[in-house]
Amino acid sequence: MTQTTQVDRAAIEAKVAEIEEALRGDVERTKPPLIATGIVVSLLVLAVAYFFGRRVGTKRSAIVEVKRI
């Protein structure tokens, strides 16, 4: 015959608290590099958009000469 053990509420709460603590440590450890990476990526996207906007603006803009008579 196999033995079965009773799982009570306290055991489940203890296990959930243990898992939550482990995950919280992982999140706190990886948060600063993710924030820094996000800032760098957003700055690169802004720089690329700026330079492509300047390029398109110079291709589409007409050169107007004003002469005095």
Foldseek 3Di string as FASTA:
>chain_A
DDDDDDDDPVNVVVVVVVVVVVVVVVCVVPVVVVVVVVVVVVVVVVVVVVVVVVVVVVVPDDDDDDDDD
